[in-house]
Amino acid sequence: MTTDPHHDVMEALRRGTAQAHARLEESLGLLDGVPSRSRFVTFLERLYGFHVSVEPALLDQQGCGSFFLARQRVGLLEADLIALGRSPDDVRALPRCPGAPALARSDGAATGTLYVLEGSTLGGRVIARALAGLPWLPQDGLRSFDPYGAETGMRWRDFGTFAREVQASTGTTPILRGAQACFALLTDWLRPAYQT
């Protein structure tokens, strides 16, 4: 199957997940007022539980494993939680997200999931800047929010190239469905971190 030049997968993903993306951001409300340390720890714990579940499945997926290899964040999330006072044993004992491995069941689904994960690094930079200076923040900040630093834009463009290559073989629909499924699972899994 060839890529339809009039139906770019990145634009299809942006449009097809816009409502789900907005719903998740609104539910989390991470930048509404001054965030508390306890609320961010809860958020990071849930995010860790998601990443520690989905990342091995993404690495095992033949179509995206090598691309994802240098983009893992579970180690950064663990380090951030430890910097915020959790012990390594406590972090490793956190609940896992049981539905996450299924998000990498095919090349298309895995690529859609990567769209969500890679896209979160763009918003993560905004969150990292907003958190700067808070008294409970670790001295080096929260690295999991801004894992790529100055390379964030380049990494996002590289993902776009990768997604278009996958689109050429799978079509757009499996990728879009994968991204939508990832947003839906994250929205449910992160519920304990929502504003009260």
C-alpha atoms as a PDB file:
ATOM      1  CA  MET A   1       0.000   0.000   0.000  1.00  0.00           C
ATOM      2  CA  THR A   2       1.459   3.374  -0.946  1.00  0.00           C
ATOM      3  CA  THR A   3       1.217   6.599   1.016  1.00  0.00           C
ATOM      4  CA  ASP A   4      -1.450   8.999  -0.195  1.00  0.00           C
ATOM      5  CA  PRO A   5       0.416  12.333  -0.543  1.00  0.00           C
ATOM      6  CA  HIS A   6      -2.851  14.147   0.178  1.00  0.00           C
ATOM      7  CA  HIS A   7      -3.390  12.262   3.429  1.00  0.00           C
ATOM      8  CA  ASP A   8      -0.260  12.810   5.514  1.00  0.00           C
ATOM      9  CA  VAL A   9      -0.245  10.544   8.554  1.00  0.00           C
ATOM     10  CA  MET A  10       0.958  13.273  10.915  1.00  0.00           C
ATOM     11  CA  GLU A  11      -1.891  15.575   9.955  1.00  0.00           C
ATOM     12  CA  ALA A  12      -4.333  12.677  10.209  1.00  0.00           C
ATOM     13  CA  LEU A  13      -3.018  11.899  13.676  1.00  0.00           C
ATOM     14  CA  ARG A  14      -3.206  15.509  14.796  1.00  0.00           C
ATOM     15  CA  ARG A  15      -6.806  15.870  13.627  1.00  0.00           C
ATOM     16  CA  GLY A  16      -7.920  12.400  14.651  1.00  0.00           C
ATOM     17  CA  THR A  17      -6.653  12.669  18.230  1.00  0.00           C
ATOM     18  CA  ALA A  18      -7.257  16.382  18.902  1.00  0.00           C
ATOM     19  CA  GLN A  19     -10.317  15.840  21.098  1.00  0.00           C
ATOM     20  CA  ALA A  20      -8.757  12.971  23.038  1.00  0.00           C
ATOM     21  CA  HIS A  21      -5.573  14.988  23.549  1.00  0.00           C
ATOM     22  CA  ALA A  22      -7.507  18.009  24.810  1.00  0.00           C
ATOM     23  CA  ARG A  23      -9.617  15.811  27.108  1.00  0.00           C
ATOM     24  CA  LEU A  24      -6.522  14.260  28.698  1.00  0.00           C
ATOM     25  CA  GLU A  25      -4.792  17.622  29.199  1.00  0.00           C
ATOM     26  CA  GLU A  26      -7.927  19.144  30.693  1.00  0.00           C
ATOM     27  CA  SER A  27      -8.446  16.179  33.013  1.00  0.00           C
ATOM     28  CA  LEU A  28      -4.879  16.318  34.295  1.00  0.00           C
ATOM     29  CA  GLY A  29      -4.799  20.111  34.690  1.00  0.00           C
ATOM     30  CA  LEU A  30      -1.079  19.954  35.434  1.00  0.00           C
ATOM     31  CA  LEU A  31      -0.590  23.675  34.878  1.00  0.00           C
ATOM     32  CA  ASP A  32      -3.741  24.905  36.624  1.00  0.00           C
ATOM     33  CA  GLY A  33      -2.383  26.911  39.546  1.00  0.00           C
ATOM     34  CA  VAL A  34       0.721  25.984  41.529  1.00  0.00           C
ATOM     35  CA  PRO A  35       1.075  22.183  41.442  1.00  0.00           C
ATOM     36  CA  SER A  36       1.777  20.317  44.654  1.00  0.00           C
ATOM     37  CA  ARG A  37       4.607  17.865  45.093  1.00  0.00           C
ATOM     38  CA  SER A  38       2.254  15.065  46.160  1.00  0.00           C
ATOM     39  CA  ARG A  39       0.098  15.500  43.077  1.00  0.00           C
ATOM     40  CA  PHE A  40       3.099  15.348  40.761  1.00  0.00           C
ATOM     41  CA  VAL A  41       4.461  12.286  42.532  1.00  0.00           C
ATOM     42  CA  THR A  42       1.112  10.553  41.970  1.00  0.00           C
ATOM     43  CA  PHE A  43       1.193  11.581  38.315  1.00  0.00           C
ATOM     44  CA  LEU A  44       4.764  10.332  37.855  1.00  0.00           C
ATOM     45  CA  GLU A  45       3.947   7.048  39.605  1.00  0.00           C
ATOM     46  CA  ARG A  46       1.081   6.387  37.213  1.00  0.00           C
ATOM     47  CA  LEU A  47       3.188   7.458  34.234  1.00  0.00           C
ATOM     48  CA  TYR A  48       5.942   5.098  35.357  1.00  0.00           C
ATOM     49  CA  GLY A  49       3.418   2.261  35.590  1.00  0.00           C
ATOM     50  CA  PHE A  50       2.394   2.952  32.015  1.00  0.00           C
ATOM     51  CA  HIS A  51       5.901   3.266  30.579  1.00  0.00           C
ATOM     52  CA  VAL A  52       7.297   0.230  32.385  1.00  0.00           C
ATOM     53  CA  SER A  53       4.454  -1.775  30.829  1.00  0.00           C
ATOM     54  CA  VAL A  54       4.432  -0.419  27.278  1.00  0.00           C
ATOM     55  CA  GLU A  55       8.138   0.108  26.608  1.00  0.00           C
ATOM     56  CA  PRO A  56       9.175  -3.582  26.539  1.00  0.00           C
ATOM     57  CA  ALA A  57       6.299  -4.291  24.132  1.00  0.00           C
ATOM     58  CA  LEU A  58       7.422  -1.453  21.855  1.00  0.00           C
ATOM     59  CA  LEU A  59      10.998  -2.738  21.920  1.00  0.00           C
ATOM     60  CA  ASP A  60       9.786  -6.220  20.974  1.00  0.00           C
ATOM     61  CA  GLN A  61       7.718  -4.927  18.042  1.00  0.00           C
ATOM     62  CA  GLN A  62       9.772  -5.677  14.949  1.00  0.00           C
ATOM     63  CA  GLY A  63       8.716  -2.574  13.055  1.00  0.00           C
ATOM     64  CA  CYS A  64       9.579   0.013  15.704  1.00  0.00           C
ATOM     65  CA  GLY A  65      11.879  -1.601  18.254  1.00  0.00           C
ATOM     66  CA  SER A  66      15.126  -0.226  16.840  1.00  0.00           C
ATOM     67  CA  PHE A  67      13.592   3.232  16.340  1.00  0.00           C
ATOM     68  CA  PHE A  68      12.328   3.311  19.927  1.00  0.00           C
ATOM     69  CA  LEU A  69      15.534   1.986  21.510  1.00  0.00           C
ATOM     70  CA  ALA A  70      17.019   5.439  22.191  1.00  0.00           C
ATOM     71  CA  ARG A  71      13.665   6.945  23.203  1.00  0.00           C
ATOM     72  CA  GLN A  72      12.861   4.970  26.339  1.00  0.00           C
ATOM     73  CA  ARG A  73      11.876   7.033  29.368  1.00  0.00           C
ATOM     74  CA  VAL A  74      11.183   4.518  32.103  1.00  0.00           C
ATOM     75  CA  GLY A  75      14.675   5.017  33.555  1.00  0.00           C
ATOM     76  CA  LEU A  76      14.177   8.785  33.657  1.00  0.00           C
ATOM     77  CA  LEU A  77      10.811   8.384  35.379  1.00  0.00           C
ATOM     78  CA  GLU A  78      12.385   6.076  37.959  1.00  0.00           C
ATOM     79  CA  ALA A  79      15.196   8.584  38.584  1.00  0.00           C
ATOM     80  CA  ASP A  80      12.705  11.446  38.965  1.00  0.00           C
ATOM     81  CA  LEU A  81      10.630   9.503  41.483  1.00  0.00           C
ATOM     82  CA  ILE A  82      13.735   8.638  43.483  1.00  0.00           C
ATOM     83  CA  ALA A  83      14.789  12.300  43.404  1.00  0.00           C
ATOM     84  CA  LEU A  84      11.342  13.140  44.798  1.00  0.00           C
ATOM     85  CA  GLY A  85      11.817  10.780  47.737  1.00  0.00           C
ATOM     86  CA  ARG A  86      10.617   7.349  46.613  1.00  0.00           C
ATOM     87  CA  SER A  87      12.973   4.430  47.197  1.00  0.00           C
ATOM     88  CA  PRO A  88      14.071   2.290  44.231  1.00  0.00           C
ATOM     89  CA  ASP A  89      12.188  -0.676  45.697  1.00  0.00           C
ATOM     90  CA  ASP A  90       9.024   1.408  46.085  1.00  0.00           C
ATOM     91  CA  VAL A  91       9.263   2.560  42.475  1.00  0.00           C
ATOM     92  CA  ARG A  92       9.751  -0.940  41.097  1.00  0.00           C
ATOM     93  CA  ALA A  93       6.753  -2.140  43.139  1.00  0.00           C
ATOM     94  CA  LEU A  94       4.376   0.447  41.639  1.00  0.00           C
ATOM     95  CA  PRO A  95       1.287  -0.892  39.822  1.00  0.00           C
ATOM     96  CA  ARG A  96       1.728  -1.702  36.117  1.00  0.00           C
ATOM     97  CA  CYS A  97      -0.792  -0.710  33.470  1.00  0.00           C
ATOM     98  CA  PRO A  98      -2.174  -4.083  32.324  1.00  0.00           C
ATOM     99  CA  GLY A  99      -3.551  -2.898  28.999  1.00  0.00           C
ATOM    100  CA  ALA A 100      -0.390  -1.123  27.843  1.00  0.00           C
ATOM    101  CA  PRO A 101       1.445  -4.027  26.118  1.00  0.00           C
ATOM    102  CA  ALA A 102      -1.480  -4.502  23.705  1.00  0.00           C
ATOM    103  CA  LEU A 103      -0.823  -0.990  22.375  1.00  0.00           C
ATOM    104  CA  ALA A 104       2.183  -2.442  20.520  1.00  0.00           C
ATOM    105  CA  ARG A 105       0.398  -5.462  19.026  1.00  0.00           C
ATOM    106  CA  SER A 106       1.197  -4.413  15.421  1.00  0.00           C
ATOM    107  CA  ASP A 107       3.424  -1.973  13.546  1.00  0.00           C
ATOM    108  CA  GLY A 108       0.510   0.409  13.040  1.00  0.00           C
ATOM    109  CA  ALA A 109      -0.672   0.278  16.654  1.00  0.00           C
ATOM    110  CA  ALA A 110       2.878   0.714  17.967  1.00  0.00           C
ATOM    111  CA  THR A 111       3.471   3.708  15.697  1.00  0.00           C
ATOM    112  CA  GLY A 112       0.255   5.319  16.917  1.00  0.00           C
ATOM    113  CA  THR A 113       1.371   4.750  20.497  1.00  0.00           C
ATOM    114  CA  LEU A 114       4.741   6.290  19.694  1.00  0.00           C
ATOM    115  CA  TYR A 115       2.904   9.336  18.312  1.00  0.00           C
ATOM    116  CA  VAL A 116       1.404   9.883  21.764  1.00  0.00           C
ATOM    117  CA  LEU A 117       4.652   9.221  23.648  1.00  0.00           C
ATOM    118  CA  GLU A 118       6.819  11.326  21.381  1.00  0.00           C
ATOM    119  CA  GLY A 119       4.239  14.104  21.271  1.00  0.00           C
ATOM    120  CA  SER A 120       4.281  14.248  25.064  1.00  0.00           C
ATOM    121  CA  THR A 121       7.899  15.419  24.927  1.00  0.00           C
ATOM    122  CA  LEU A 122       6.727  18.621  23.230  1.00  0.00           C
ATOM    123  CA  GLY A 123       4.258  19.407  26.013  1.00  0.00           C
ATOM    124  CA  GLY A 124       6.754  18.156  28.559  1.00  0.00           C
ATOM    125  CA  ARG A 125       9.096  21.025  27.742  1.00  0.00           C
ATOM    126  CA  VAL A 126       6.299  23.478  28.534  1.00  0.00           C
ATOM    127  CA  ILE A 127       5.591  21.712  31.826  1.00  0.00           C
ATOM    128  CA  ALA A 128       9.293  21.636  32.747  1.00  0.00           C
ATOM    129  CA  ARG A 129       9.559  25.407  32.230  1.00  0.00           C
ATOM    130  CA  ALA A 130       6.402  26.004  34.268  1.00  0.00           C
ATOM    131  CA  LEU A 131       7.743  23.925  37.152  1.00  0.00           C
ATOM    132  CA  ALA A 132      11.125  25.662  37.274  1.00  0.00           C
ATOM    133  CA  GLY A 133      11.750  27.273  40.641  1.00  0.00           C
ATOM    134  CA  LEU A 134       9.205  25.310  42.667  1.00  0.00           C
ATOM    135  CA  PRO A 135      10.692  24.502  46.094  1.00  0.00           C
ATOM    136  CA  TRP A 136       9.964  20.764  45.911  1.00  0.00           C
ATOM    137  CA  LEU A 137      11.536  20.300  42.498  1.00  0.00           C
ATOM    138  CA  PRO A 138      14.780  18.258  42.433  1.00  0.00           C
ATOM    139  CA  GLN A 139      17.877  20.342  41.786  1.00  0.00           C
ATOM    140  CA  ASP A 140      18.233  19.039  38.223  1.00  0.00           C
ATOM    141  CA  GLY A 141      14.508  19.276  37.475  1.00  0.00           C
ATOM    142  CA  LEU A 142      12.339  16.417  36.262  1.00  0.00           C
ATOM    143  CA  ARG A 143      14.277  14.869  33.397  1.00  0.00           C
ATOM    144  CA  SER A 144      11.403  12.693  32.216  1.00  0.00           C
ATOM    145  CA  PHE A 145       9.447  15.785  31.156  1.00  0.00           C
ATOM    146  CA  ASP A 146      12.188  17.057  28.858  1.00  0.00           C
ATOM    147  CA  PRO A 147      14.180  13.962  27.871  1.00  0.00           C
ATOM    148  CA  TYR A 148      15.589  15.336  24.616  1.00  0.00           C
ATOM    149  CA  GLY A 149      16.363  18.922  25.596  1.00  0.00           C
ATOM    150  CA  ALA A 150      17.457  20.995  22.600  1.00  0.00           C
ATOM    151  CA  GLU A 151      16.971  17.954  20.329  1.00  0.00           C
ATOM    152  CA  THR A 152      13.203  17.792  20.934  1.00  0.00           C
ATOM    153  CA  GLY A 153      12.227  19.400  17.625  1.00  0.00           C
ATOM    154  CA  MET A 154      14.653  17.251  15.648  1.00  0.00           C
ATOM    155  CA  ARG A 155      13.430  14.091  17.381  1.00  0.00           C
ATOM    156  CA  TRP A 156       9.817  15.007  16.565  1.00  0.00           C
ATOM    157  CA  ARG A 157      10.684  15.497  12.899  1.00  0.00           C
ATOM    158  CA  ASP A 158      12.500  12.149  12.903  1.00  0.00           C
ATOM    159  CA  PHE A 159       9.381  10.517  14.277  1.00  0.00           C
ATOM    160  CA  GLY A 160       7.340  12.100  11.472  1.00  0.00           C
ATOM    161  CA  THR A 161       9.670  10.523   8.925  1.00  0.00           C
ATOM    162  CA  PHE A 162       9.388   7.154  10.665  1.00  0.00           C
ATOM    163  CA  ALA A 163       5.572   7.360  10.848  1.00  0.00           C
ATOM    164  CA  ARG A 164       5.345   8.112   7.114  1.00  0.00           C
ATOM    165  CA  GLU A 165       7.499   5.064   6.373  1.00  0.00           C
ATOM    166  CA  VAL A 166       5.145   2.898   8.419  1.00  0.00           C
ATOM    167  CA  GLN A 167       2.144   4.532   6.752  1.00  0.00           C
ATOM    168  CA  ALA A 168       3.512   3.457   3.381  1.00  0.00           C
ATOM    169  CA  SER A 169       3.178  -0.193   4.386  1.00  0.00           C
ATOM    170  CA  THR A 170       0.220  -0.220   6.786  1.00  0.00           C
ATOM    171  CA  GLY A 171      -1.902   2.718   5.674  1.00  0.00           C
ATOM    172  CA  THR A 172      -3.092   5.472   7.987  1.00  0.00           C
ATOM    173  CA  THR A 173      -5.991   3.792   9.784  1.00  0.00           C
ATOM    174  CA  PRO A 174      -4.030   1.312  11.984  1.00  0.00           C
ATOM    175  CA  ILE A 175      -1.708   4.105  13.124  1.00  0.00           C
ATOM    176  CA  LEU A 176      -4.591   6.432  13.932  1.00  0.00           C
ATOM    177  CA  ARG A 177      -6.447   3.697  15.799  1.00  0.00           C
ATOM    178  CA  GLY A 178      -3.288   2.949  17.777  1.00  0.00           C
ATOM    179  CA  ALA A 179      -2.933   6.583  18.827  1.00  0.00           C
ATOM    180  CA  GLN A 180      -6.592   6.802  19.792  1.00  0.00           C
ATOM    181  CA  ALA A 181      -6.306   3.610  21.842  1.00  0.00           C
ATOM    182  CA  CYS A 182      -3.224   4.964  23.597  1.00  0.00           C
ATOM    183  CA  PHE A 183      -4.953   8.222  24.510  1.00  0.00           C
ATOM    184  CA  ALA A 184      -7.993   6.327  25.790  1.00  0.00           C
ATOM    185  CA  LEU A 185      -5.903   4.015  27.964  1.00  0.00           C
ATOM    186  CA  LEU A 186      -3.768   6.849  29.320  1.00  0.00           C
ATOM    187  CA  THR A 187      -6.843   8.910  30.157  1.00  0.00           C
ATOM    188  CA  ASP A 188      -8.206   6.041  32.214  1.00  0.00           C
ATOM    189  CA  TRP A 189      -4.891   4.932  33.737  1.00  0.00           C
ATOM    190  CA  LEU A 190      -3.881   8.442  34.874  1.00  0.00           C
ATOM    191  CA  ARG A 191      -7.240   9.047  36.585  1.00  0.00           C
ATOM    192  CA  PRO A 192      -5.743   8.881  40.123  1.00  0.00           C
ATOM    193  CA  ALA A 193      -3.577  11.885  39.202  1.00  0.00           C
ATOM    194  CA  TYR A 194      -6.510  14.069  38.106  1.00  0.00           C
ATOM    195  CA  GLN A 195      -7.355  17.185  40.015  1.00  0.00           C
ATOM    196  CA  THR A 196      -9.593  16.623  43.002  1.00  0.00           C
END
